[in-house]
Amino acid sequence: MSSYHIARNGQQLGVFSEQAIQSGLTTGQFMPDDLFWTEGMGDWQALNTRFAVSAVATTSAYNSGVFNPYAAPSANLQNPALAANVQVADLGKRLGAALLDGLLGAVLFGVPYVVFLMSVSPDNGRQPELNTTAMIAGGCMLLGLLALLVINIIMLTTRGQTPGKRALGIRIATFPGAEKPGFVKAFLLRGLVNALIGAVPCLGPIYGLVDICFIFQADRRCIHDLIAGTHVIEGNPPA
């Protein structure tokens, strides 16, 4: 009976009989892409080129992470981001970031807006009039809105962060990896498209509620993340 030298990852595992190899392939001791050599062979070959490979052996090879160059292509169902130790941002930080962004918006836009409304409110039944205070408040509203837009576009494009996300150390990244999303993904798709859908009469409020509920999935990806191909992860972006 022939004996075979078995090797894996450049190291020999020993010399085994044909029966022992067939049994090892069934139990998972040997992998289908382990190499074998015996007298008369010119070069090493994979076990699955000569020996029958069971479903158990194939499953064991897949779970071990050993690459089998002879196997048929298969879809990678694992999340490469998680495999690379990328941590999904927790709900508390995402909520905190949203609140901080809302607070910044309230300071730059909300306060001048309230002053504007108070300045033009009718007095003694007269028609509202634009006075100096109202015009100054209106100007501050426009400047605040412009400042918010510019700040968010720059930060989202260059860092994948809003001011709130940066303060809490989380960021938007491409899914399933962890690259910077850029202007299209972070601002246009994730922000503008999401806002336009939310502004649709009747549909908008329903969409907004469903969008928020998606955050309770395991990967914490809302609908706007699915649209943009992004997710929110821990840490600041690489320099």
C-alpha atoms as a PDB file:
ATOM      1  CA  MET A   1       0.000   0.000   0.000  1.00  0.00           C
ATOM      2  CA  SER A   2       1.347   3.407  -0.956  1.00  0.00           C
ATOM      3  CA  SER A   3       2.303   5.947   1.682  1.00  0.00           C
ATOM      4  CA  TYR A   4       1.939   9.683   1.224  1.00  0.00           C
ATOM      5  CA  HIS A   5       3.781  12.684   2.617  1.00  0.00           C
ATOM      6  CA  ILE A   6       1.297  15.364   3.736  1.00  0.00           C
ATOM      7  CA  ALA A   7       2.138  19.065   4.075  1.00  0.00           C
ATOM      8  CA  ARG A   8       0.221  22.181   5.123  1.00  0.00           C
ATOM      9  CA  ASN A   9       1.365  25.803   4.989  1.00  0.00           C
ATOM     10  CA  GLY A  10       4.885  24.755   4.050  1.00  0.00           C
ATOM     11  CA  GLN A  11       5.283  22.253   6.906  1.00  0.00           C
ATOM     12  CA  GLN A  12       5.117  18.460   6.597  1.00  0.00           C
ATOM     13  CA  LEU A  13       2.563  16.733   8.789  1.00  0.00           C
ATOM     14  CA  GLY A  14       4.004  13.264   8.337  1.00  0.00           C
ATOM     15  CA  VAL A  15       3.647  10.137   6.234  1.00  0.00           C
ATOM     16  CA  PHE A  16       0.227   8.471   6.073  1.00  0.00           C
ATOM     17  CA  SER A  17      -1.435   5.565   4.330  1.00  0.00           C
ATOM     18  CA  GLU A  18      -4.207   6.031   1.797  1.00  0.00           C
ATOM     19  CA  GLN A  19      -6.767   4.729   4.293  1.00  0.00           C
ATOM     20  CA  ALA A  20      -5.560   7.133   7.012  1.00  0.00           C
ATOM     21  CA  ILE A  21      -5.773  10.076   4.623  1.00  0.00           C
ATOM     22  CA  GLN A  22      -9.302   9.178   3.534  1.00  0.00           C
ATOM     23  CA  SER A  23     -10.354   8.843   7.168  1.00  0.00           C
ATOM     24  CA  GLY A  24      -8.662  12.152   8.052  1.00  0.00           C
ATOM     25  CA  LEU A  25     -10.518  13.958   5.291  1.00  0.00           C
ATOM     26  CA  THR A  26     -13.786  12.685   6.718  1.00  0.00           C
ATOM     27  CA  THR A  27     -13.034  13.674  10.320  1.00  0.00           C
ATOM     28  CA  GLY A  28     -11.437  17.018   9.478  1.00  0.00           C
ATOM     29  CA  GLN A  29      -7.885  16.009  10.422  1.00  0.00           C
ATOM     30  CA  PHE A  30      -6.832  16.841   6.878  1.00  0.00           C
ATOM     31  CA  MET A  31      -8.063  19.676   4.684  1.00  0.00           C
ATOM     32  CA  PRO A  32      -8.959  19.224   1.011  1.00  0.00           C
ATOM     33  CA  ASP A  33      -6.219  21.673  -0.003  1.00  0.00           C
ATOM     34  CA  ASP A  34      -3.476  20.025   2.078  1.00  0.00           C
ATOM     35  CA  LEU A  35      -0.666  18.914  -0.230  1.00  0.00           C
ATOM     36  CA  PHE A  36       0.524  15.339  -0.720  1.00  0.00           C
ATOM     37  CA  TRP A  37       3.476  13.661  -2.416  1.00  0.00           C
ATOM     38  CA  THR A  38       4.426  10.054  -3.021  1.00  0.00           C
ATOM     39  CA  GLU A  39       7.055   8.274  -5.043  1.00  0.00           C
ATOM     40  CA  GLY A  40       6.665   8.753  -8.765  1.00  0.00           C
ATOM     41  CA  MET A  41       5.076  12.217  -8.488  1.00  0.00           C
ATOM     42  CA  GLY A  42       6.856  15.199 -10.022  1.00  0.00           C
ATOM     43  CA  ASP A  43       5.346  17.762  -7.661  1.00  0.00           C
ATOM     44  CA  TRP A  44       3.047  18.158  -4.653  1.00  0.00           C
ATOM     45  CA  GLN A  45      -0.685  18.193  -5.307  1.00  0.00           C
ATOM     46  CA  ALA A  46      -3.803  18.973  -3.286  1.00  0.00           C
ATOM     47  CA  LEU A  47      -5.513  16.037  -1.597  1.00  0.00           C
ATOM     48  CA  ASN A  48      -8.811  16.729  -3.331  1.00  0.00           C
ATOM     49  CA  THR A  49      -7.201  16.025  -6.717  1.00  0.00           C
ATOM     50  CA  ARG A  50      -6.878  12.336  -5.814  1.00  0.00           C
ATOM     51  CA  PHE A  51      -8.961  11.582  -2.728  1.00  0.00           C
ATOM     52  CA  ALA A  52     -12.715  11.835  -2.264  1.00  0.00           C
ATOM     53  CA  VAL A  53     -13.646  14.848  -0.148  1.00  0.00           C
ATOM     54  CA  SER A  54     -16.748  14.658   2.057  1.00  0.00           C
ATOM     55  CA  ALA A  55     -19.080  17.528   2.921  1.00  0.00           C
ATOM     56  CA  VAL A  56     -17.710  17.446   6.484  1.00  0.00           C
ATOM     57  CA  ALA A  57     -14.172  18.039   5.250  1.00  0.00           C
ATOM     58  CA  THR A  58     -15.277  20.881   3.015  1.00  0.00           C
ATOM     59  CA  THR A  59     -17.107  22.547   5.918  1.00  0.00           C
ATOM     60  CA  SER A  60     -14.103  22.121   8.185  1.00  0.00           C
ATOM     61  CA  ALA A  61     -11.833  23.694   5.606  1.00  0.00           C
ATOM     62  CA  TYR A  62     -14.130  26.682   5.242  1.00  0.00           C
ATOM     63  CA  ASN A  63     -14.444  27.199   8.988  1.00  0.00           C
ATOM     64  CA  SER A  64     -10.682  26.961   9.469  1.00  0.00           C
ATOM     65  CA  GLY A  65     -10.138  29.894   7.153  1.00  0.00           C
ATOM     66  CA  VAL A  66      -7.728  27.895   4.937  1.00  0.00           C
ATOM     67  CA  PHE A  67      -7.856  29.019   1.339  1.00  0.00           C
ATOM     68  CA  ASN A  68      -8.696  26.256  -1.095  1.00  0.00           C
ATOM     69  CA  PRO A  69      -7.582  27.243  -4.609  1.00  0.00           C
ATOM     70  CA  TYR A  70      -9.450  24.266  -6.084  1.00  0.00           C
ATOM     71  CA  ALA A  71     -12.844  25.072  -4.550  1.00  0.00           C
ATOM     72  CA  ALA A  72     -15.638  26.703  -6.521  1.00  0.00           C
ATOM     73  CA  PRO A  73     -16.049  30.446  -5.891  1.00  0.00           C
ATOM     74  CA  SER A  74     -18.413  31.233  -3.042  1.00  0.00           C
ATOM     75  CA  ALA A  75     -19.897  34.390  -1.582  1.00  0.00           C
ATOM     76  CA  ASN A  76     -18.234  35.836   1.499  1.00  0.00           C
ATOM     77  CA  LEU A  77     -21.038  36.100   4.020  1.00  0.00           C
ATOM     78  CA  GLN A  78     -18.849  37.453   6.796  1.00  0.00           C
ATOM     79  CA  ASN A  79     -18.534  41.133   7.562  1.00  0.00           C
ATOM     80  CA  PRO A  80     -14.966  42.144   6.630  1.00  0.00           C
ATOM     81  CA  ALA A  81     -15.274  45.197   8.872  1.00  0.00           C
ATOM     82  CA  LEU A  82     -15.903  43.051  11.942  1.00  0.00           C
ATOM     83  CA  ALA A  83     -13.155  40.651  10.893  1.00  0.00           C
ATOM     84  CA  ALA A  84     -10.783  43.625  10.910  1.00  0.00           C
ATOM     85  CA  ASN A  85     -11.833  44.503  14.490  1.00  0.00           C
ATOM     86  CA  VAL A  86     -13.858  47.521  13.434  1.00  0.00           C
ATOM     87  CA  GLN A  87     -16.348  48.248  16.203  1.00  0.00           C
ATOM     88  CA  VAL A  88     -19.830  49.476  15.398  1.00  0.00           C
ATOM     89  CA  ALA A  89     -20.729  52.647  17.309  1.00  0.00           C
ATOM     90  CA  ASP A  90     -23.113  52.062  20.196  1.00  0.00           C
ATOM     91  CA  LEU A  91     -26.562  53.595  20.421  1.00  0.00           C
ATOM     92  CA  GLY A  92     -25.661  55.950  23.250  1.00  0.00           C
ATOM     93  CA  LYS A  93     -22.905  57.666  21.313  1.00  0.00           C
ATOM     94  CA  ARG A  94     -25.022  57.967  18.186  1.00  0.00           C
ATOM     95  CA  LEU A  95     -27.853  59.533  20.177  1.00  0.00           C
ATOM     96  CA  GLY A  96     -25.410  61.853  21.943  1.00  0.00           C
ATOM     97  CA  ALA A  97     -23.888  62.935  18.628  1.00  0.00           C
ATOM     98  CA  ALA A  98     -27.343  63.672  17.206  1.00  0.00           C
ATOM     99  CA  LEU A  99     -28.196  65.764  20.280  1.00  0.00           C
ATOM    100  CA  LEU A 100     -24.939  67.726  20.033  1.00  0.00           C
ATOM    101  CA  ASP A 101     -25.535  68.407  16.343  1.00  0.00           C
ATOM    102  CA  GLY A 102     -29.062  69.517  17.180  1.00  0.00           C
ATOM    103  CA  LEU A 103     -27.752  71.828  19.896  1.00  0.00           C
ATOM    104  CA  LEU A 104     -25.295  73.411  17.458  1.00  0.00           C
ATOM    105  CA  GLY A 105     -28.116  73.937  14.980  1.00  0.00           C
ATOM    106  CA  ALA A 106     -30.262  75.499  17.696  1.00  0.00           C
ATOM    107  CA  VAL A 107     -27.517  77.986  18.568  1.00  0.00           C
ATOM    108  CA  LEU A 108     -26.643  78.979  15.002  1.00  0.00           C
ATOM    109  CA  PHE A 109     -30.135  78.918  13.506  1.00  0.00           C
ATOM    110  CA  GLY A 110     -32.785  78.346  16.156  1.00  0.00           C
ATOM    111  CA  VAL A 111     -31.980  81.294  18.415  1.00  0.00           C
ATOM    112  CA  PRO A 112     -31.992  83.900  15.577  1.00  0.00           C
ATOM    113  CA  TYR A 113     -35.206  82.320  14.294  1.00  0.00           C
ATOM    114  CA  VAL A 114     -36.945  82.798  17.645  1.00  0.00           C
ATOM    115  CA  VAL A 115     -35.734  86.410  17.827  1.00  0.00           C
ATOM    116  CA  PHE A 116     -37.002  86.961  14.278  1.00  0.00           C
ATOM    117  CA  LEU A 117     -40.472  85.614  15.128  1.00  0.00           C
ATOM    118  CA  MET A 118     -40.695  87.701  18.264  1.00  0.00           C
ATOM    119  CA  SER A 119     -39.635  90.829  16.366  1.00  0.00           C
ATOM    120  CA  VAL A 120     -42.270  90.534  13.643  1.00  0.00           C
ATOM    121  CA  SER A 121     -45.150  89.316  15.827  1.00  0.00           C
ATOM    122  CA  PRO A 122     -48.227  91.565  15.482  1.00  0.00           C
ATOM    123  CA  ASP A 123     -48.801  94.157  18.192  1.00  0.00           C
ATOM    124  CA  ASN A 124     -52.245  95.493  19.059  1.00  0.00           C
ATOM    125  CA  GLY A 125     -53.765  93.881  15.988  1.00  0.00           C
ATOM    126  CA  ARG A 126     -51.483  95.641  13.534  1.00  0.00           C
ATOM    127  CA  GLN A 127     -49.857  93.861  10.601  1.00  0.00           C
ATOM    128  CA  PRO A 128     -46.343  92.524  11.378  1.00  0.00           C
ATOM    129  CA  GLU A 129     -43.535  94.774  10.224  1.00  0.00           C
ATOM    130  CA  LEU A 130     -39.872  94.094   9.527  1.00  0.00           C
ATOM    131  CA  ASN A 131     -37.929  96.232  11.969  1.00  0.00           C
ATOM    132  CA  THR A 132     -34.198  96.469  12.494  1.00  0.00           C
ATOM    133  CA  THR A 133     -34.117  93.643  15.030  1.00  0.00           C
ATOM    134  CA  ALA A 134     -36.029  91.365  12.685  1.00  0.00           C
ATOM    135  CA  MET A 135     -33.695  92.087   9.785  1.00  0.00           C
ATOM    136  CA  ILE A 136     -30.608  91.455  11.923  1.00  0.00           C
ATOM    137  CA  ALA A 137     -32.123  88.215  13.214  1.00  0.00           C
ATOM    138  CA  GLY A 138     -33.010  87.184   9.654  1.00  0.00           C
ATOM    139  CA  GLY A 139     -29.441  87.844   8.549  1.00  0.00           C
ATOM    140  CA  CYS A 140     -28.104  85.787  11.463  1.00  0.00           C
ATOM    141  CA  MET A 141     -30.446  82.958  10.480  1.00  0.00           C
ATOM    142  CA  LEU A 142     -29.069  82.880   6.946  1.00  0.00           C
ATOM    143  CA  LEU A 143     -25.458  83.082   8.154  1.00  0.00           C
ATOM    144  CA  GLY A 144     -26.081  80.340  10.711  1.00  0.00           C
ATOM    145  CA  LEU A 145     -27.687  78.089   8.117  1.00  0.00           C
ATOM    146  CA  LEU A 146     -24.805  78.686   5.724  1.00  0.00           C
ATOM    147  CA  ALA A 147     -22.262  78.006   8.482  1.00  0.00           C
ATOM    148  CA  LEU A 148     -23.971  74.718   9.384  1.00  0.00           C
ATOM    149  CA  LEU A 149     -24.019  73.646   5.747  1.00  0.00           C
ATOM    150  CA  VAL A 150     -20.353  74.481   5.124  1.00  0.00           C
ATOM    151  CA  ILE A 151     -19.132  72.915   8.382  1.00  0.00           C
ATOM    152  CA  ASN A 152     -21.009  69.673   7.762  1.00  0.00           C
ATOM    153  CA  ILE A 153     -20.019  69.384   4.099  1.00  0.00           C
ATOM    154  CA  ILE A 154     -16.331  69.862   4.912  1.00  0.00           C
ATOM    155  CA  MET A 155     -16.301  67.535   7.913  1.00  0.00           C
ATOM    156  CA  LEU A 156     -18.393  64.815   6.286  1.00  0.00           C
ATOM    157  CA  THR A 157     -16.319  64.906   3.103  1.00  0.00           C
ATOM    158  CA  THR A 158     -12.897  64.917   4.765  1.00  0.00           C
ATOM    159  CA  ARG A 159     -13.562  62.976   7.979  1.00  0.00           C
ATOM    160  CA  GLY A 160     -16.933  61.245   7.724  1.00  0.00           C
ATOM    161  CA  GLN A 161     -17.970  63.136  10.851  1.00  0.00           C
ATOM    162  CA  THR A 162     -20.372  65.824  11.961  1.00  0.00           C
ATOM    163  CA  PRO A 163     -19.287  68.053  14.880  1.00  0.00           C
ATOM    164  CA  GLY A 164     -21.286  65.841  17.260  1.00  0.00           C
ATOM    165  CA  LYS A 165     -19.743  62.619  15.964  1.00  0.00           C
ATOM    166  CA  ARG A 166     -16.255  64.052  16.208  1.00  0.00           C
ATOM    167  CA  ALA A 167     -16.852  65.158  19.798  1.00  0.00           C
ATOM    168  CA  LEU A 168     -17.872  61.611  20.776  1.00  0.00           C
ATOM    169  CA  GLY A 169     -15.241  59.799  18.714  1.00  0.00           C
ATOM    170  CA  ILE A 170     -17.415  58.028  16.154  1.00  0.00           C
ATOM    171  CA  ARG A 171     -17.507  58.343  12.384  1.00  0.00           C
ATOM    172  CA  ILE A 172     -19.272  57.367   9.191  1.00  0.00           C
ATOM    173  CA  ALA A 173     -17.358  54.859   7.075  1.00  0.00           C
ATOM    174  CA  THR A 174     -17.917  52.808   3.954  1.00  0.00           C
ATOM    175  CA  PHE A 175     -19.577  49.435   4.472  1.00  0.00           C
ATOM    176  CA  PRO A 176     -18.378  46.775   4.957  1.00  0.00           C
ATOM    177  CA  GLY A 177     -14.920  48.338   5.296  1.00  0.00           C
ATOM    178  CA  ALA A 178     -13.819  51.414   7.187  1.00  0.00           C
ATOM    179  CA  GLU A 179     -12.772  53.885   4.512  1.00  0.00           C
ATOM    180  CA  LYS A 180     -13.708  57.573   4.497  1.00  0.00           C
ATOM    181  CA  PRO A 181     -17.076  57.845   2.705  1.00  0.00           C
ATOM    182  CA  GLY A 182     -16.393  61.082   0.832  1.00  0.00           C
ATOM    183  CA  PHE A 183     -18.812  63.744  -0.391  1.00  0.00           C
ATOM    184  CA  VAL A 184     -21.164  61.532  -2.411  1.00  0.00           C
ATOM    185  CA  LYS A 185     -21.792  58.855   0.216  1.00  0.00           C
ATOM    186  CA  ALA A 186     -21.602  60.949   3.381  1.00  0.00           C
ATOM    187  CA  PHE A 187     -23.425  64.090   2.238  1.00  0.00           C
ATOM    188  CA  LEU A 188     -25.380  63.523  -0.982  1.00  0.00           C
ATOM    189  CA  LEU A 189     -26.675  59.984  -0.453  1.00  0.00           C
ATOM    190  CA  ARG A 190     -26.715  59.735   3.328  1.00  0.00           C
ATOM    191  CA  GLY A 191     -27.808  63.313   3.998  1.00  0.00           C
ATOM    192  CA  LEU A 192     -29.470  65.039   1.052  1.00  0.00           C
ATOM    193  CA  VAL A 193     -31.300  62.047  -0.433  1.00  0.00           C
ATOM    194  CA  ASN A 194     -32.473  61.040   3.038  1.00  0.00           C
ATOM    195  CA  ALA A 195     -33.750  64.580   3.695  1.00  0.00           C
ATOM    196  CA  LEU A 196     -35.599  64.689   0.368  1.00  0.00           C
ATOM    197  CA  ILE A 197     -37.374  61.411   1.104  1.00  0.00           C
ATOM    198  CA  GLY A 198     -38.244  62.661   4.563  1.00  0.00           C
ATOM    199  CA  ALA A 199     -39.773  65.827   3.061  1.00  0.00           C
ATOM    200  CA  VAL A 200     -42.301  63.902   0.938  1.00  0.00           C
ATOM    201  CA  PRO A 201     -45.819  64.619   2.272  1.00  0.00           C
ATOM    202  CA  CYS A 202     -47.412  61.705   4.149  1.00  0.00           C
ATOM    203  CA  LEU A 203     -44.566  59.334   3.241  1.00  0.00           C
ATOM    204  CA  GLY A 204     -41.861  61.398   4.962  1.00  0.00           C
ATOM    205  CA  PRO A 205     -42.926  60.892   8.610  1.00  0.00           C
ATOM    206  CA  ILE A 206     -43.423  57.154   8.067  1.00  0.00           C
ATOM    207  CA  TYR A 207     -40.036  56.864   6.389  1.00  0.00           C
ATOM    208  CA  GLY A 208     -38.388  58.799   9.211  1.00  0.00           C
ATOM    209  CA  LEU A 209     -39.806  56.461  11.849  1.00  0.00           C
ATOM    210  CA  VAL A 210     -38.835  53.296   9.962  1.00  0.00           C
ATOM    211  CA  ASP A 211     -35.385  54.763   9.274  1.00  0.00           C
ATOM    212  CA  ILE A 212     -34.776  55.290  12.992  1.00  0.00           C
ATOM    213  CA  CYS A 213     -36.063  51.811  13.888  1.00  0.00           C
ATOM    214  CA  PHE A 214     -33.461  50.210  11.615  1.00  0.00           C
ATOM    215  CA  ILE A 215     -30.750  51.313  14.073  1.00  0.00           C
ATOM    216  CA  PHE A 216     -31.793  48.476  16.397  1.00  0.00           C
ATOM    217  CA  GLN A 217     -30.467  45.873  13.946  1.00  0.00           C
ATOM    218  CA  ALA A 218     -27.242  44.067  14.800  1.00  0.00           C
ATOM    219  CA  ASP A 219     -25.193  46.165  12.382  1.00  0.00           C
ATOM    220  CA  ARG A 220     -26.919  49.425  13.503  1.00  0.00           C
ATOM    221  CA  ARG A 221     -27.419  50.510   9.882  1.00  0.00           C
ATOM    222  CA  CYS A 222     -30.364  52.806   9.256  1.00  0.00           C
ATOM    223  CA  ILE A 223     -32.066  53.051   5.866  1.00  0.00           C
ATOM    224  CA  HIS A 224     -29.931  56.068   4.968  1.00  0.00           C
ATOM    225  CA  ASP A 225     -26.861  53.902   5.666  1.00  0.00           C
ATOM    226  CA  LEU A 226     -28.208  51.238   3.317  1.00  0.00           C
ATOM    227  CA  ILE A 227     -28.814  53.880   0.643  1.00  0.00           C
ATOM    228  CA  ALA A 228     -25.306  55.295   0.975  1.00  0.00           C
ATOM    229  CA  GLY A 229     -23.449  52.029   1.602  1.00  0.00           C
ATOM    230  CA  THR A 230     -22.137  53.214   4.972  1.00  0.00           C
ATOM    231  CA  HIS A 231     -22.168  52.409   8.672  1.00  0.00           C
ATOM    232  CA  VAL A 232     -21.176  54.294  11.816  1.00  0.00           C
ATOM    233  CA  ILE A 233     -18.156  52.963  13.685  1.00  0.00           C
ATOM    234  CA  GLU A 234     -15.999  53.806  16.685  1.00  0.00           C
ATOM    235  CA  GLY A 235     -12.886  55.949  16.387  1.00  0.00           C
ATOM    236  CA  ASN A 236     -11.647  58.927  14.433  1.00  0.00           C
ATOM    237  CA  PRO A 237     -10.620  58.610  10.769  1.00  0.00           C
ATOM    238  CA  PRO A 238      -7.011  57.920   9.822  1.00  0.00           C
ATOM    239  CA  ALA A 239      -4.912  60.943   9.020  1.00  0.00           C
END
